C-alpha cells in the first residue's frame, strides 16, 4: 500500500514540525500475541474493555498483582522485539532535518529504552518527549499529544501521530494532529471501519521516511 506516492497524501502532511511515534507495532514489528496474553494474565475476558481502565478499577492490591502480570508479558515481548523496517532510516532523516521526535506509548519506559539501545545508533536516538502509560490519561485520549504540543510550543495541527492501532488514530485525531497509520495484516480493517481517522498510510518506516521527505521538498 504505497499511498505516500500520492501528491494529495503528501500535501496532507505539509508543514509538519514534529512526529509522535507509538512504539509497539510502530517502532518495532507487531507482536500480535502480546495484548491477548496481557488480558489473559489479568483475567480480563471482556474484549470491549480497555485493559488499563480495567486494572484501574481493581483494589490497590489487585492492581499491583495485575501490573506485575502485565510487566512479565511486556518483558517477554521486549526480549523478542525486532525493529520496524526503516527505523534507523526515518530517525536519521528526522535528526538531520531537525524535526522533533517524540514517543507516546501505553507500554513502560524500559522496553522503549531497550529497543532504541539495541537497534538505533546513538546519534539518532535522542527524543524530545517520551510519554508512557504513567502519563494519565493515556491513549486513546488526546491528553498525551496535547501535552507534547504544549511542551514543544506547537499547534497540534503541525504534529503527526504515527501508529498502528485504533488508539493511536483516535488520540491523534481528537488532539487535532495529523495521522499516519502503519498498515499490517492485523490492522488493515481499520481502513474500512475508521477511515475517517487516518490521513495517510504506509507499510513501514522506510515508506514513512520517503513520505516525510516528499512533504518537505
C-alpha atoms as a PDB file:
ATOM      1  CA  UNK A   1       0.000   0.000   0.000  1.00  0.00           C
ATOM      2  CA  UNK A   2       2.026   2.937  -1.287  1.00  0.00           C
ATOM      3  CA  UNK A   3      -0.170   5.930  -0.577  1.00  0.00           C
ATOM      4  CA  UNK A   4       2.929   8.019   0.135  1.00  0.00           C
ATOM      5  CA  UNK A   5       3.447   8.349  -3.625  1.00  0.00           C
ATOM      6  CA  UNK A   6       0.217  10.310  -3.918  1.00  0.00           C
ATOM      7  CA  UNK A   7       0.574  14.077  -4.304  1.00  0.00           C
ATOM      8  CA  UNK A   8      -2.655  14.525  -2.332  1.00  0.00           C
ATOM      9  CA  UNK A   9      -1.252  12.477   0.527  1.00  0.00           C
ATOM     10  CA  UNK A  10       1.989  14.464   0.539  1.00  0.00           C
ATOM     11  CA  UNK A  11       0.066  17.739   0.730  1.00  0.00           C
ATOM     12  CA  UNK A  12      -1.863  16.476   3.762  1.00  0.00           C
ATOM     13  CA  UNK A  13       1.312  16.482   5.857  1.00  0.00           C
ATOM     14  CA  UNK A  14       2.825  19.715   4.546  1.00  0.00           C
ATOM     15  CA  UNK A  15       4.196  21.988   7.229  1.00  0.00           C
ATOM     16  CA  UNK A  16       4.607  19.367   9.949  1.00  0.00           C
ATOM     17  CA  UNK A  17       7.115  20.227  12.678  1.00  0.00           C
ATOM     18  CA  UNK A  18       7.076  17.218  14.993  1.00  0.00           C
ATOM     19  CA  UNK A  19       6.444  13.488  14.928  1.00  0.00           C
ATOM     20  CA  UNK A  20       4.968  11.408  17.731  1.00  0.00           C
ATOM     21  CA  UNK A  21       5.536   7.678  17.389  1.00  0.00           C
ATOM     22  CA  UNK A  22       3.705   4.831  19.012  1.00  0.00           C
ATOM     23  CA  UNK A  23       6.106   2.033  19.969  1.00  0.00           C
ATOM     24  CA  UNK A  24       4.626  -1.484  19.770  1.00  0.00           C
ATOM     25  CA  UNK A  25       3.848  -2.285  16.139  1.00  0.00           C
ATOM     26  CA  UNK A  26       5.263   1.065  15.029  1.00  0.00           C
ATOM     27  CA  UNK A  27       8.891   1.478  16.061  1.00  0.00           C
ATOM     28  CA  UNK A  28       9.091  -2.295  16.386  1.00  0.00           C
ATOM     29  CA  UNK A  29       7.314  -5.028  14.455  1.00  0.00           C
ATOM     30  CA  UNK A  30       3.895  -6.134  15.718  1.00  0.00           C
ATOM     31  CA  UNK A  31       3.773  -8.900  18.296  1.00  0.00           C
ATOM     32  CA  UNK A  32       0.115  -9.895  17.967  1.00  0.00           C
ATOM     33  CA  UNK A  33       0.303 -12.425  20.789  1.00  0.00           C
ATOM     34  CA  UNK A  34       1.241  -9.774  23.367  1.00  0.00           C
ATOM     35  CA  UNK A  35      -2.027  -7.960  24.011  1.00  0.00           C
ATOM     36  CA  UNK A  36      -4.166 -11.128  24.283  1.00  0.00           C
ATOM     37  CA  UNK A  37      -1.542 -12.508  26.675  1.00  0.00           C
ATOM     38  CA  UNK A  38      -1.814  -9.396  28.835  1.00  0.00           C
ATOM     39  CA  UNK A  39      -5.581  -9.656  29.011  1.00  0.00           C
ATOM     40  CA  UNK A  40      -5.378 -13.307  29.905  1.00  0.00           C
ATOM     41  CA  UNK A  41      -2.757 -12.587  32.572  1.00  0.00           C
ATOM     42  CA  UNK A  42      -5.068 -10.172  34.394  1.00  0.00           C
ATOM     43  CA  UNK A  43      -8.237 -12.205  33.861  1.00  0.00           C
ATOM     44  CA  UNK A  44      -9.925  -9.716  31.529  1.00  0.00           C
ATOM     45  CA  UNK A  45     -12.407 -11.592  29.340  1.00  0.00           C
ATOM     46  CA  UNK A  46     -14.473  -8.666  28.031  1.00  0.00           C
ATOM     47  CA  UNK A  47     -12.887  -7.804  24.650  1.00  0.00           C
ATOM     48  CA  UNK A  48     -14.555  -4.386  24.606  1.00  0.00           C
ATOM     49  CA  UNK A  49     -12.987  -3.216  27.868  1.00  0.00           C
ATOM     50  CA  UNK A  50      -9.703  -1.321  27.942  1.00  0.00           C
ATOM     51  CA  UNK A  51      -7.101  -3.217  29.957  1.00  0.00           C
ATOM     52  CA  UNK A  52      -5.671  -0.167  31.729  1.00  0.00           C
ATOM     53  CA  UNK A  53      -9.154   1.030  32.654  1.00  0.00           C
ATOM     54  CA  UNK A  54      -9.920  -2.456  33.967  1.00  0.00           C
ATOM     55  CA  UNK A  55      -6.755  -2.568  36.082  1.00  0.00           C
ATOM     56  CA  UNK A  56      -7.562   0.891  37.433  1.00  0.00           C
ATOM     57  CA  UNK A  57     -10.936  -0.390  38.655  1.00  0.00           C
ATOM     58  CA  UNK A  58      -9.336  -3.061  40.859  1.00  0.00           C
ATOM     59  CA  UNK A  59      -8.403  -2.751  44.510  1.00  0.00           C
ATOM     60  CA  UNK A  60      -4.857  -1.476  45.205  1.00  0.00           C
ATOM     61  CA  UNK A  61      -3.611  -4.990  46.000  1.00  0.00           C
ATOM     62  CA  UNK A  62      -5.237  -6.414  42.863  1.00  0.00           C
ATOM     63  CA  UNK A  63      -3.803  -3.566  40.790  1.00  0.00           C
ATOM     64  CA  UNK A  64      -0.274  -4.342  41.946  1.00  0.00           C
ATOM     65  CA  UNK A  65      -0.740  -8.013  41.121  1.00  0.00           C
ATOM     66  CA  UNK A  66      -2.237  -7.244  37.692  1.00  0.00           C
ATOM     67  CA  UNK A  67       0.516  -4.780  36.808  1.00  0.00           C
ATOM     68  CA  UNK A  68       3.184  -7.318  37.742  1.00  0.00           C
ATOM     69  CA  UNK A  69       1.489  -9.840  35.452  1.00  0.00           C
ATOM     70  CA  UNK A  70       1.375  -7.316  32.599  1.00  0.00           C
ATOM     71  CA  UNK A  71       5.017  -6.399  33.117  1.00  0.00           C
ATOM     72  CA  UNK A  72       6.026 -10.063  32.853  1.00  0.00           C
ATOM     73  CA  UNK A  73       4.339 -10.236  29.452  1.00  0.00           C
ATOM     74  CA  UNK A  74       5.982  -6.959  28.421  1.00  0.00           C
ATOM     75  CA  UNK A  75       9.398  -8.266  29.441  1.00  0.00           C
ATOM     76  CA  UNK A  76       8.949 -11.370  27.292  1.00  0.00           C
ATOM     77  CA  UNK A  77       7.902  -9.170  24.375  1.00  0.00           C
ATOM     78  CA  UNK A  78      10.856  -6.846  24.959  1.00  0.00           C
ATOM     79  CA  UNK A  79      13.322  -9.713  24.611  1.00  0.00           C
ATOM     80  CA  UNK A  80      11.696 -10.716  21.319  1.00  0.00           C
ATOM     81  CA  UNK A  81      11.492  -7.211  19.811  1.00  0.00           C
ATOM     82  CA  UNK A  82      12.500  -6.664  16.202  1.00  0.00           C
ATOM     83  CA  UNK A  83      12.799  -3.178  14.688  1.00  0.00           C
ATOM     84  CA  UNK A  84      10.276  -1.981  12.148  1.00  0.00           C
ATOM     85  CA  UNK A  85      11.919  -1.839   8.699  1.00  0.00           C
ATOM     86  CA  UNK A  86      13.243   1.665   8.171  1.00  0.00           C
ATOM     87  CA  UNK A  87      13.597   2.509  11.881  1.00  0.00           C
ATOM     88  CA  UNK A  88      17.135   3.831  11.535  1.00  0.00           C
ATOM     89  CA  UNK A  89      16.331   5.465   8.204  1.00  0.00           C
ATOM     90  CA  UNK A  90      13.439   7.552   9.483  1.00  0.00           C
ATOM     91  CA  UNK A  91      15.171   8.546  12.724  1.00  0.00           C
ATOM     92  CA  UNK A  92      18.277   9.549  10.786  1.00  0.00           C
ATOM     93  CA  UNK A  93      16.197  11.666   8.402  1.00  0.00           C
ATOM     94  CA  UNK A  94      14.298  13.359  11.242  1.00  0.00           C
ATOM     95  CA  UNK A  95      17.549  14.069  13.095  1.00  0.00           C
ATOM     96  CA  UNK A  96      19.216  15.665  10.061  1.00  0.00           C
ATOM     97  CA  UNK A  97      16.036  17.598   9.218  1.00  0.00           C
ATOM     98  CA  UNK A  98      15.840  18.856  12.828  1.00  0.00           C
ATOM     99  CA  UNK A  99      12.288  17.617  13.213  1.00  0.00           C
ATOM    100  CA  UNK A 100      11.206  16.940  16.785  1.00  0.00           C
ATOM    101  CA  UNK A 101      11.000  13.213  17.612  1.00  0.00           C
ATOM    102  CA  UNK A 102       8.634  12.068  20.356  1.00  0.00           C
ATOM    103  CA  UNK A 103       7.022   8.868  21.624  1.00  0.00           C
ATOM    104  CA  UNK A 104       3.632   8.125  23.149  1.00  0.00           C
ATOM    105  CA  UNK A 105       3.178   4.511  24.252  1.00  0.00           C
ATOM    106  CA  UNK A 106       0.914   2.562  26.573  1.00  0.00           C
ATOM    107  CA  UNK A 107       3.959   0.463  27.428  1.00  0.00           C
ATOM    108  CA  UNK A 108       6.648   1.133  30.048  1.00  0.00           C
ATOM    109  CA  UNK A 109       9.878   3.075  29.523  1.00  0.00           C
ATOM    110  CA  UNK A 110      12.189   0.038  29.792  1.00  0.00           C
ATOM    111  CA  UNK A 111      11.042  -1.666  26.533  1.00  0.00           C
ATOM    112  CA  UNK A 112      11.453   1.609  24.654  1.00  0.00           C
ATOM    113  CA  UNK A 113      14.958   2.109  26.017  1.00  0.00           C
ATOM    114  CA  UNK A 114      15.815  -1.489  25.105  1.00  0.00           C
ATOM    115  CA  UNK A 115      14.569  -1.056  21.541  1.00  0.00           C
ATOM    116  CA  UNK A 116      16.477   2.165  20.944  1.00  0.00           C
ATOM    117  CA  UNK A 117      19.683   0.948  22.588  1.00  0.00           C
ATOM    118  CA  UNK A 118      19.587  -2.289  20.600  1.00  0.00           C
ATOM    119  CA  UNK A 119      18.774  -1.000  17.128  1.00  0.00           C
ATOM    120  CA  UNK A 120      19.414   2.756  16.818  1.00  0.00           C
ATOM    121  CA  UNK A 121      22.822   4.489  16.623  1.00  0.00           C
ATOM    122  CA  UNK A 122      23.358   6.943  19.457  1.00  0.00           C
ATOM    123  CA  UNK A 123      23.423   9.977  17.157  1.00  0.00           C
ATOM    124  CA  UNK A 124      19.815   9.333  16.086  1.00  0.00           C
ATOM    125  CA  UNK A 125      18.443   8.175  19.439  1.00  0.00           C
ATOM    126  CA  UNK A 126      17.511  11.478  21.079  1.00  0.00           C
ATOM    127  CA  UNK A 127      13.782  12.123  21.591  1.00  0.00           C
ATOM    128  CA  UNK A 128      12.280  15.299  22.993  1.00  0.00           C
ATOM    129  CA  UNK A 129       9.435  13.695  24.930  1.00  0.00           C
ATOM    130  CA  UNK A 130       8.701  10.073  25.815  1.00  0.00           C
ATOM    131  CA  UNK A 131       5.286   9.514  27.387  1.00  0.00           C
ATOM    132  CA  UNK A 132       4.425   6.072  28.735  1.00  0.00           C
ATOM    133  CA  UNK A 133       1.253   4.752  30.349  1.00  0.00           C
ATOM    134  CA  UNK A 134       2.324   6.558  33.519  1.00  0.00           C
ATOM    135  CA  UNK A 135       1.002   9.718  31.864  1.00  0.00           C
ATOM    136  CA  UNK A 136      -2.741   9.858  32.512  1.00  0.00           C
ATOM    137  CA  UNK A 137      -4.990   9.798  30.689  1.00  0.00           C
ATOM    138  CA  UNK A 138      -3.081   7.863  28.062  1.00  0.00           C
ATOM    139  CA  UNK A 139      -4.171   6.968  24.539  1.00  0.00           C
ATOM    140  CA  UNK A 140      -6.828   6.893  23.111  1.00  0.00           C
ATOM    141  CA  UNK A 141      -7.386  10.241  24.829  1.00  0.00           C
ATOM    142  CA  UNK A 142      -5.961  13.463  23.407  1.00  0.00           C
ATOM    143  CA  UNK A 143      -4.109  14.377  26.605  1.00  0.00           C
ATOM    144  CA  UNK A 144      -0.653  12.957  25.828  1.00  0.00           C
ATOM    145  CA  UNK A 145      -0.451  14.601  22.410  1.00  0.00           C
ATOM    146  CA  UNK A 146      -1.777  17.908  23.687  1.00  0.00           C
ATOM    147  CA  UNK A 147       0.859  17.769  26.442  1.00  0.00           C
ATOM    148  CA  UNK A 148       3.622  17.193  23.895  1.00  0.00           C
ATOM    149  CA  UNK A 149       2.283  20.030  21.733  1.00  0.00           C
ATOM    150  CA  UNK A 150       2.291  22.378  24.719  1.00  0.00           C
ATOM    151  CA  UNK A 151       5.819  21.369  25.732  1.00  0.00           C
ATOM    152  CA  UNK A 152       7.048  21.945  22.180  1.00  0.00           C
ATOM    153  CA  UNK A 153       5.049  25.188  21.867  1.00  0.00           C
ATOM    154  CA  UNK A 154       3.442  23.885  18.684  1.00  0.00           C
ATOM    155  CA  UNK A 155      -0.042  23.907  17.255  1.00  0.00           C
ATOM    156  CA  UNK A 156      -1.253  20.266  17.354  1.00  0.00           C
ATOM    157  CA  UNK A 157      -2.061  20.601  13.652  1.00  0.00           C
ATOM    158  CA  UNK A 158       1.680  20.728  12.956  1.00  0.00           C
ATOM    159  CA  UNK A 159       2.237  17.378  14.703  1.00  0.00           C
ATOM    160  CA  UNK A 160       1.941  13.960  13.038  1.00  0.00           C
ATOM    161  CA  UNK A 161       0.886  10.942  15.102  1.00  0.00           C
ATOM    162  CA  UNK A 162       2.331   7.724  13.658  1.00  0.00           C
ATOM    163  CA  UNK A 163       0.918   4.447  14.912  1.00  0.00           C
ATOM    164  CA  UNK A 164      -0.656   1.116  14.083  1.00  0.00           C
ATOM    165  CA  UNK A 165      -3.725   0.971  16.324  1.00  0.00           C
ATOM    166  CA  UNK A 166      -7.156   2.492  16.723  1.00  0.00           C
ATOM    167  CA  UNK A 167      -5.968   4.076  19.991  1.00  0.00           C
ATOM    168  CA  UNK A 168      -3.200   5.884  18.086  1.00  0.00           C
ATOM    169  CA  UNK A 169      -5.568   7.205  15.451  1.00  0.00           C
ATOM    170  CA  UNK A 170      -8.220   8.246  17.997  1.00  0.00           C
ATOM    171  CA  UNK A 171      -5.647  10.052  20.110  1.00  0.00           C
ATOM    172  CA  UNK A 172      -4.190  11.843  17.114  1.00  0.00           C
ATOM    173  CA  UNK A 173      -7.479  12.899  15.637  1.00  0.00           C
ATOM    174  CA  UNK A 174      -9.000  14.049  18.945  1.00  0.00           C
ATOM    175  CA  UNK A 175      -5.886  16.155  19.649  1.00  0.00           C
ATOM    176  CA  UNK A 176      -6.119  17.802  16.231  1.00  0.00           C
ATOM    177  CA  UNK A 177      -2.929  16.186  14.929  1.00  0.00           C
ATOM    178  CA  UNK A 178      -2.460  14.614  11.535  1.00  0.00           C
ATOM    179  CA  UNK A 179      -2.304  10.824  11.499  1.00  0.00           C
ATOM    180  CA  UNK A 180      -0.310   8.150   9.693  1.00  0.00           C
ATOM    181  CA  UNK A 181      -1.306   4.502  10.029  1.00  0.00           C
ATOM    182  CA  UNK A 182       1.344   1.808   9.582  1.00  0.00           C
ATOM    183  CA  UNK A 183      -0.739  -0.851   7.903  1.00  0.00           C
ATOM    184  CA  UNK A 184      -0.150  -4.539   8.551  1.00  0.00           C
ATOM    185  CA  UNK A 185      -2.124  -7.760   8.257  1.00  0.00           C
ATOM    186  CA  UNK A 186      -3.520  -7.329  11.752  1.00  0.00           C
ATOM    187  CA  UNK A 187      -4.925  -3.794  11.476  1.00  0.00           C
ATOM    188  CA  UNK A 188      -5.984  -3.447   7.841  1.00  0.00           C
ATOM    189  CA  UNK A 189      -9.649  -3.486   8.849  1.00  0.00           C
ATOM    190  CA  UNK A 190      -9.209  -0.019  10.377  1.00  0.00           C
ATOM    191  CA  UNK A 191      -9.199   1.384   6.851  1.00  0.00           C
ATOM    192  CA  UNK A 192     -12.777   0.198   6.474  1.00  0.00           C
ATOM    193  CA  UNK A 193     -14.111   0.792   9.980  1.00  0.00           C
ATOM    194  CA  UNK A 194     -12.329   4.057  10.860  1.00  0.00           C
ATOM    195  CA  UNK A 195     -11.014   5.500   7.605  1.00  0.00           C
ATOM    196  CA  UNK A 196     -12.008   8.990   8.764  1.00  0.00           C
ATOM    197  CA  UNK A 197      -9.329   8.860  11.470  1.00  0.00           C
ATOM    198  CA  UNK A 198      -6.471   8.150   9.045  1.00  0.00           C
ATOM    199  CA  UNK A 199      -4.835  10.834   6.911  1.00  0.00           C
ATOM    200  CA  UNK A 200      -2.106   8.688   5.334  1.00  0.00           C
ATOM    201  CA  UNK A 201      -0.957   5.084   5.280  1.00  0.00           C
ATOM    202  CA  UNK A 202       2.460   3.464   4.932  1.00  0.00           C
ATOM    203  CA  UNK A 203       3.621  -0.125   5.178  1.00  0.00           C
ATOM    204  CA  UNK A 204       6.711   0.510   7.299  1.00  0.00           C
ATOM    205  CA  UNK A 205       9.053   3.255   8.481  1.00  0.00           C
ATOM    206  CA  UNK A 206      11.119   3.285   5.295  1.00  0.00           C
ATOM    207  CA  UNK A 207       7.980   4.376   3.421  1.00  0.00           C
ATOM    208  CA  UNK A 208       7.348   6.948   6.134  1.00  0.00           C
ATOM    209  CA  UNK A 209      10.826   8.406   5.583  1.00  0.00           C
ATOM    210  CA  UNK A 210      10.060   8.807   1.872  1.00  0.00           C
ATOM    211  CA  UNK A 211       6.670  10.376   2.630  1.00  0.00           C
ATOM    212  CA  UNK A 212       8.114  12.895   5.106  1.00  0.00           C
ATOM    213  CA  UNK A 213      10.937  13.837   2.727  1.00  0.00           C
ATOM    214  CA  UNK A 214       8.419  14.491  -0.047  1.00  0.00           C
ATOM    215  CA  UNK A 215       6.384  16.699   2.295  1.00  0.00           C
ATOM    216  CA  UNK A 216       9.386  18.936   2.980  1.00  0.00           C
ATOM    217  CA  UNK A 217      10.791  19.024  -0.553  1.00  0.00           C
END
